[in-house]
Amino acid sequence: MKRVLNGVAASIVLFATGATVAAAADDKNRTVEQYTCKDVMRETGSNRDASIAFLHGFFLGKGGSSNFNLDTLTKQTDAFIDNCLDNPGKKAVDVMAEIKK
């Protein structure tokens, strides 16, 4: 989990460029909303960690905060993974939003 938390800044680039999403070869623009749970869960190792860390950072930024609790993020990450495994077609950002309520 510490690896996930330490990679929040770097994960923005990895999530934007590394997740597998069908898109036109010349279109490098992405939106957070286009990634499904399936896209995130198909990633392996540090790429998956970075994608999840990106989502945590995305919501920290949306909330205007830079403070977080490690235990809370660990629980949210576990809940995100469980929910995504059960619902691969859901948008990853929607799943994380539900968990962070």
N, C-alpha and C. Protein backbone atom coordinates (compact mmCIF):
# COMPACT_ATOMS: atom_id res chain seq x y z
N MET A 1 0.82 -1.19 0.00
CA MET A 1 0.00 0.00 0.00
C MET A 1 0.86 1.25 0.00
N LYS A 2 1.99 1.23 0.72
CA LYS A 2 2.86 2.40 0.72
C LYS A 2 3.35 2.71 -0.68
N ARG A 3 3.59 1.65 -1.47
CA ARG A 3 4.02 1.86 -2.85
C ARG A 3 2.96 2.63 -3.61
N VAL A 4 1.69 2.33 -3.36
CA VAL A 4 0.58 3.04 -4.02
C VAL A 4 0.58 4.49 -3.60
N LEU A 5 0.68 4.74 -2.31
CA LEU A 5 0.61 6.10 -1.81
C LEU A 5 1.81 6.94 -2.24
N ASN A 6 2.97 6.34 -2.32
CA ASN A 6 4.16 7.08 -2.73
C ASN A 6 4.16 7.40 -4.22
N GLY A 7 3.33 6.72 -4.98
CA GLY A 7 3.32 6.92 -6.43
C GLY A 7 2.20 7.80 -6.95
N VAL A 8 1.51 8.56 -6.09
CA VAL A 8 0.37 9.34 -6.54
C VAL A 8 0.75 10.31 -7.65
N ALA A 9 1.81 11.06 -7.48
CA ALA A 9 2.18 12.05 -8.48
C ALA A 9 2.56 11.40 -9.81
N ALA A 10 3.37 10.36 -9.75
CA ALA A 10 3.80 9.68 -10.98
C ALA A 10 2.64 8.93 -11.62
N SER A 11 1.67 8.58 -10.84
CA SER A 11 0.57 7.78 -11.37
C SER A 11 -0.29 8.53 -12.37
N ILE A 12 -0.32 9.84 -12.29
CA ILE A 12 -1.12 10.62 -13.23
C ILE A 12 -0.68 10.31 -14.65
N VAL A 13 0.60 10.30 -14.88
CA VAL A 13 1.12 10.01 -16.21
C VAL A 13 0.85 8.55 -16.58
N LEU A 14 1.09 7.63 -15.66
CA LEU A 14 0.88 6.22 -15.94
C LEU A 14 -0.58 5.91 -16.25
N PHE A 15 -1.49 6.49 -15.49
CA PHE A 15 -2.91 6.23 -15.71
C PHE A 15 -3.34 6.80 -17.05
N ALA A 16 -2.87 7.99 -17.35
CA ALA A 16 -3.28 8.65 -18.59
C ALA A 16 -2.72 7.97 -19.83
N THR A 17 -1.56 7.33 -19.70
CA THR A 17 -0.94 6.74 -20.88
C THR A 17 -0.87 5.23 -20.86
N GLY A 18 -0.97 4.62 -19.66
CA GLY A 18 -0.71 3.20 -19.56
C GLY A 18 -1.92 2.30 -19.53
N ALA A 19 -3.07 2.78 -19.14
CA ALA A 19 -4.25 1.91 -19.05
C ALA A 19 -4.71 1.53 -20.45
N THR A 20 -5.26 0.34 -20.55
CA THR A 20 -5.67 -0.16 -21.85
C THR A 20 -7.09 0.26 -22.18
N VAL A 21 -7.19 1.17 -23.13
CA VAL A 21 -8.48 1.65 -23.59
C VAL A 21 -8.41 1.77 -25.10
N ALA A 22 -9.43 1.25 -25.75
CA ALA A 22 -9.46 1.35 -27.21
C ALA A 22 -9.70 2.80 -27.59
N ALA A 23 -8.79 3.36 -28.35
CA ALA A 23 -8.92 4.74 -28.81
C ALA A 23 -8.20 4.85 -30.14
N ALA A 24 -8.52 5.89 -30.87
CA ALA A 24 -7.85 6.11 -32.15
C ALA A 24 -6.36 6.25 -31.92
N ALA A 25 -5.57 5.70 -32.81
CA ALA A 25 -4.11 5.68 -32.64
C ALA A 25 -3.52 7.09 -32.53
N ASP A 26 -4.10 8.06 -33.18
CA ASP A 26 -3.54 9.40 -33.15
C ASP A 26 -4.17 10.28 -32.07
N ASP A 27 -5.15 9.78 -31.35
CA ASP A 27 -5.80 10.55 -30.29
C ASP A 27 -5.19 10.19 -28.95
N LYS A 28 -4.40 11.09 -28.38
CA LYS A 28 -3.73 10.85 -27.10
C LYS A 28 -4.50 11.48 -25.94
N ASN A 29 -5.62 12.10 -26.19
CA ASN A 29 -6.41 12.72 -25.13
C ASN A 29 -7.30 11.70 -24.47
N ARG A 30 -7.37 11.78 -23.16
CA ARG A 30 -8.17 10.84 -22.37
C ARG A 30 -8.99 11.61 -21.35
N THR A 31 -10.01 10.96 -20.83
CA THR A 31 -10.76 11.49 -19.70
C THR A 31 -10.76 10.44 -18.60
N VAL A 32 -10.85 10.89 -17.39
CA VAL A 32 -10.88 9.97 -16.27
C VAL A 32 -12.11 9.08 -16.38
N GLU A 33 -13.20 9.64 -16.86
CA GLU A 33 -14.47 8.93 -16.93
C GLU A 33 -14.48 7.77 -17.92
N GLN A 34 -13.57 7.74 -18.86
CA GLN A 34 -13.62 6.69 -19.88
C GLN A 34 -13.06 5.36 -19.40
N TYR A 35 -12.37 5.34 -18.27
CA TYR A 35 -11.76 4.10 -17.79
C TYR A 35 -12.75 3.29 -16.96
N THR A 36 -12.90 2.03 -17.30
CA THR A 36 -13.77 1.14 -16.55
C THR A 36 -12.95 0.39 -15.50
N CYS A 37 -13.66 -0.25 -14.60
CA CYS A 37 -12.98 -1.10 -13.61
C CYS A 37 -12.17 -2.18 -14.33
N LYS A 38 -12.72 -2.69 -15.41
CA LYS A 38 -12.02 -3.73 -16.17
C LYS A 38 -10.68 -3.22 -16.68
N ASP A 39 -10.64 -1.97 -17.15
CA ASP A 39 -9.39 -1.38 -17.62
C ASP A 39 -8.35 -1.34 -16.50
N VAL A 40 -8.77 -0.90 -15.32
CA VAL A 40 -7.84 -0.80 -14.19
C VAL A 40 -7.40 -2.18 -13.73
N MET A 41 -8.34 -3.10 -13.61
CA MET A 41 -8.03 -4.42 -13.08
C MET A 41 -7.20 -5.25 -14.06
N ARG A 42 -7.23 -4.94 -15.33
CA ARG A 42 -6.39 -5.64 -16.31
C ARG A 42 -4.92 -5.27 -16.18
N GLU A 43 -4.67 -4.10 -15.62
CA GLU A 43 -3.29 -3.68 -15.41
C GLU A 43 -2.65 -4.62 -14.38
N THR A 44 -1.34 -4.70 -14.41
CA THR A 44 -0.65 -5.57 -13.47
C THR A 44 0.32 -4.77 -12.61
N GLY A 45 0.57 -5.30 -11.43
CA GLY A 45 1.61 -4.75 -10.56
C GLY A 45 1.55 -3.26 -10.36
N SER A 46 2.66 -2.62 -10.63
CA SER A 46 2.78 -1.18 -10.35
C SER A 46 1.86 -0.34 -11.23
N ASN A 47 1.50 -0.82 -12.41
CA ASN A 47 0.57 -0.05 -13.25
C ASN A 47 -0.81 0.01 -12.61
N ARG A 48 -1.26 -1.11 -12.06
CA ARG A 48 -2.55 -1.11 -11.36
C ARG A 48 -2.46 -0.24 -10.11
N ASP A 49 -1.38 -0.38 -9.36
CA ASP A 49 -1.18 0.45 -8.17
C ASP A 49 -1.23 1.93 -8.54
N ALA A 50 -0.56 2.28 -9.62
CA ALA A 50 -0.52 3.68 -10.04
C ALA A 50 -1.89 4.17 -10.48
N SER A 51 -2.66 3.33 -11.14
CA SER A 51 -4.00 3.72 -11.56
C SER A 51 -4.89 4.00 -10.36
N ILE A 52 -4.82 3.15 -9.36
CA ILE A 52 -5.62 3.34 -8.15
C ILE A 52 -5.13 4.57 -7.38
N ALA A 53 -3.83 4.74 -7.31
CA ALA A 53 -3.27 5.91 -6.64
C ALA A 53 -3.69 7.19 -7.35
N PHE A 54 -3.75 7.14 -8.67
CA PHE A 54 -4.22 8.30 -9.43
C PHE A 54 -5.64 8.67 -9.02
N LEU A 55 -6.50 7.66 -8.92
CA LEU A 55 -7.89 7.94 -8.53
C LEU A 55 -7.96 8.56 -7.14
N HIS A 56 -7.16 8.05 -6.21
CA HIS A 56 -7.11 8.67 -4.87
C HIS A 56 -6.68 10.13 -4.99
N GLY A 57 -5.64 10.39 -5.75
CA GLY A 57 -5.15 11.75 -5.93
C GLY A 57 -6.15 12.64 -6.65
N PHE A 58 -6.85 12.08 -7.61
CA PHE A 58 -7.88 12.82 -8.34
C PHE A 58 -8.94 13.34 -7.37
N PHE A 59 -9.37 12.48 -6.45
CA PHE A 59 -10.39 12.90 -5.50
C PHE A 59 -9.84 13.83 -4.42
N LEU A 60 -8.58 13.66 -4.05
CA LEU A 60 -7.97 14.63 -3.13
C LEU A 60 -7.96 16.01 -3.77
N GLY A 61 -7.58 16.06 -5.04
CA GLY A 61 -7.54 17.32 -5.77
C GLY A 61 -8.93 17.94 -5.92
N LYS A 62 -9.91 17.11 -6.25
CA LYS A 62 -11.28 17.61 -6.39
C LYS A 62 -11.78 18.19 -5.07
N GLY A 63 -11.35 17.60 -3.97
CA GLY A 63 -11.78 18.07 -2.66
C GLY A 63 -10.96 19.23 -2.14
N GLY A 64 -9.92 19.59 -2.88
CA GLY A 64 -9.08 20.72 -2.48
C GLY A 64 -8.20 20.43 -1.28
N SER A 65 -7.89 19.17 -1.07
CA SER A 65 -7.10 18.80 0.10
C SER A 65 -5.85 18.04 -0.30
N SER A 66 -4.85 18.12 0.54
CA SER A 66 -3.66 17.30 0.34
C SER A 66 -3.43 16.39 1.54
N ASN A 67 -4.40 16.34 2.44
CA ASN A 67 -4.30 15.50 3.64
C ASN A 67 -5.05 14.19 3.42
N PHE A 68 -4.45 13.10 3.91
CA PHE A 68 -5.11 11.80 3.82
C PHE A 68 -4.63 10.92 4.95
N ASN A 69 -5.41 9.88 5.25
CA ASN A 69 -5.09 8.93 6.30
C ASN A 69 -4.72 7.60 5.64
N LEU A 70 -3.59 7.04 5.99
CA LEU A 70 -3.11 5.81 5.36
C LEU A 70 -4.07 4.63 5.57
N ASP A 71 -4.61 4.50 6.77
CA ASP A 71 -5.54 3.40 7.04
C ASP A 71 -6.81 3.54 6.20
N THR A 72 -7.30 4.77 6.08
CA THR A 72 -8.50 5.01 5.27
C THR A 72 -8.23 4.68 3.81
N LEU A 73 -7.10 5.11 3.28
CA LEU A 73 -6.78 4.82 1.88
C LEU A 73 -6.63 3.32 1.65
N THR A 74 -6.07 2.63 2.60
CA THR A 74 -5.93 1.17 2.47
C THR A 74 -7.30 0.52 2.40
N LYS A 75 -8.21 0.91 3.28
CA LYS A 75 -9.57 0.35 3.28
C LYS A 75 -10.30 0.71 1.98
N GLN A 76 -10.14 1.95 1.52
CA GLN A 76 -10.79 2.37 0.28
C GLN A 76 -10.23 1.61 -0.92
N THR A 77 -8.94 1.37 -0.92
CA THR A 77 -8.32 0.62 -2.02
C THR A 77 -8.85 -0.80 -2.05
N ASP A 78 -8.92 -1.44 -0.90
CA ASP A 78 -9.47 -2.80 -0.84
C ASP A 78 -10.92 -2.83 -1.32
N ALA A 79 -11.71 -1.86 -0.89
CA ALA A 79 -13.11 -1.79 -1.30
C ALA A 79 -13.22 -1.54 -2.80
N PHE A 80 -12.35 -0.68 -3.33
CA PHE A 80 -12.35 -0.40 -4.77
C PHE A 80 -12.07 -1.67 -5.57
N ILE A 81 -11.05 -2.40 -5.18
CA ILE A 81 -10.68 -3.63 -5.89
C ILE A 81 -11.82 -4.64 -5.83
N ASP A 82 -12.39 -4.84 -4.65
CA ASP A 82 -13.50 -5.79 -4.51
C ASP A 82 -14.68 -5.39 -5.39
N ASN A 83 -15.03 -4.10 -5.35
CA ASN A 83 -16.17 -3.61 -6.12
C ASN A 83 -15.90 -3.73 -7.62
N CYS A 84 -14.68 -3.43 -8.04
CA CYS A 84 -14.34 -3.52 -9.46
C CYS A 84 -14.33 -4.97 -9.95
N LEU A 85 -13.87 -5.88 -9.11
CA LEU A 85 -13.90 -7.29 -9.50
C LEU A 85 -15.33 -7.78 -9.68
N ASP A 86 -16.24 -7.27 -8.86
CA ASP A 86 -17.65 -7.65 -8.95
C ASP A 86 -18.39 -6.92 -10.06
N ASN A 87 -17.88 -5.76 -10.48
CA ASN A 87 -18.57 -4.90 -11.45
C ASN A 87 -17.60 -4.36 -12.49
N PRO A 88 -17.03 -5.20 -13.33
CA PRO A 88 -15.98 -4.75 -14.26
C PRO A 88 -16.43 -3.71 -15.27
N GLY A 89 -17.71 -3.61 -15.54
CA GLY A 89 -18.19 -2.65 -16.54
C GLY A 89 -18.43 -1.26 -15.99
N LYS A 90 -18.38 -1.11 -14.68
CA LYS A 90 -18.61 0.22 -14.09
C LYS A 90 -17.41 1.12 -14.35
N LYS A 91 -17.68 2.42 -14.40
CA LYS A 91 -16.60 3.39 -14.54
C LYS A 91 -15.79 3.41 -13.25
N ALA A 92 -14.48 3.34 -13.39
CA ALA A 92 -13.60 3.30 -12.22
C ALA A 92 -13.79 4.54 -11.34
N VAL A 93 -13.96 5.69 -11.95
CA VAL A 93 -14.12 6.92 -11.18
C VAL A 93 -15.43 6.90 -10.39
N ASP A 94 -16.48 6.29 -10.94
CA ASP A 94 -17.75 6.20 -10.22
C ASP A 94 -17.64 5.27 -9.01
N VAL A 95 -16.92 4.17 -9.18
CA VAL A 95 -16.72 3.23 -8.08
C VAL A 95 -15.94 3.91 -6.96
N MET A 96 -14.88 4.62 -7.30
CA MET A 96 -14.09 5.31 -6.28
C MET A 96 -14.92 6.40 -5.61
N ALA A 97 -15.75 7.10 -6.37
CA ALA A 97 -16.61 8.16 -5.79
C ALA A 97 -17.57 7.56 -4.77
N GLU A 98 -18.14 6.40 -5.07
CA GLU A 98 -19.06 5.74 -4.14
C GLU A 98 -18.33 5.37 -2.85
N ILE A 99 -17.12 4.88 -2.99
CA ILE A 99 -16.35 4.45 -1.82
C ILE A 99 -15.93 5.62 -0.96
N LYS A 100 -15.65 6.74 -1.57
CA LYS A 100 -15.14 7.89 -0.82
C LYS A 100 -16.25 8.71 -0.17
N LYS A 101 -17.52 8.33 -0.35
CA LYS A 101 -18.63 9.09 0.28
C LYS A 101 -18.60 8.94 1.76
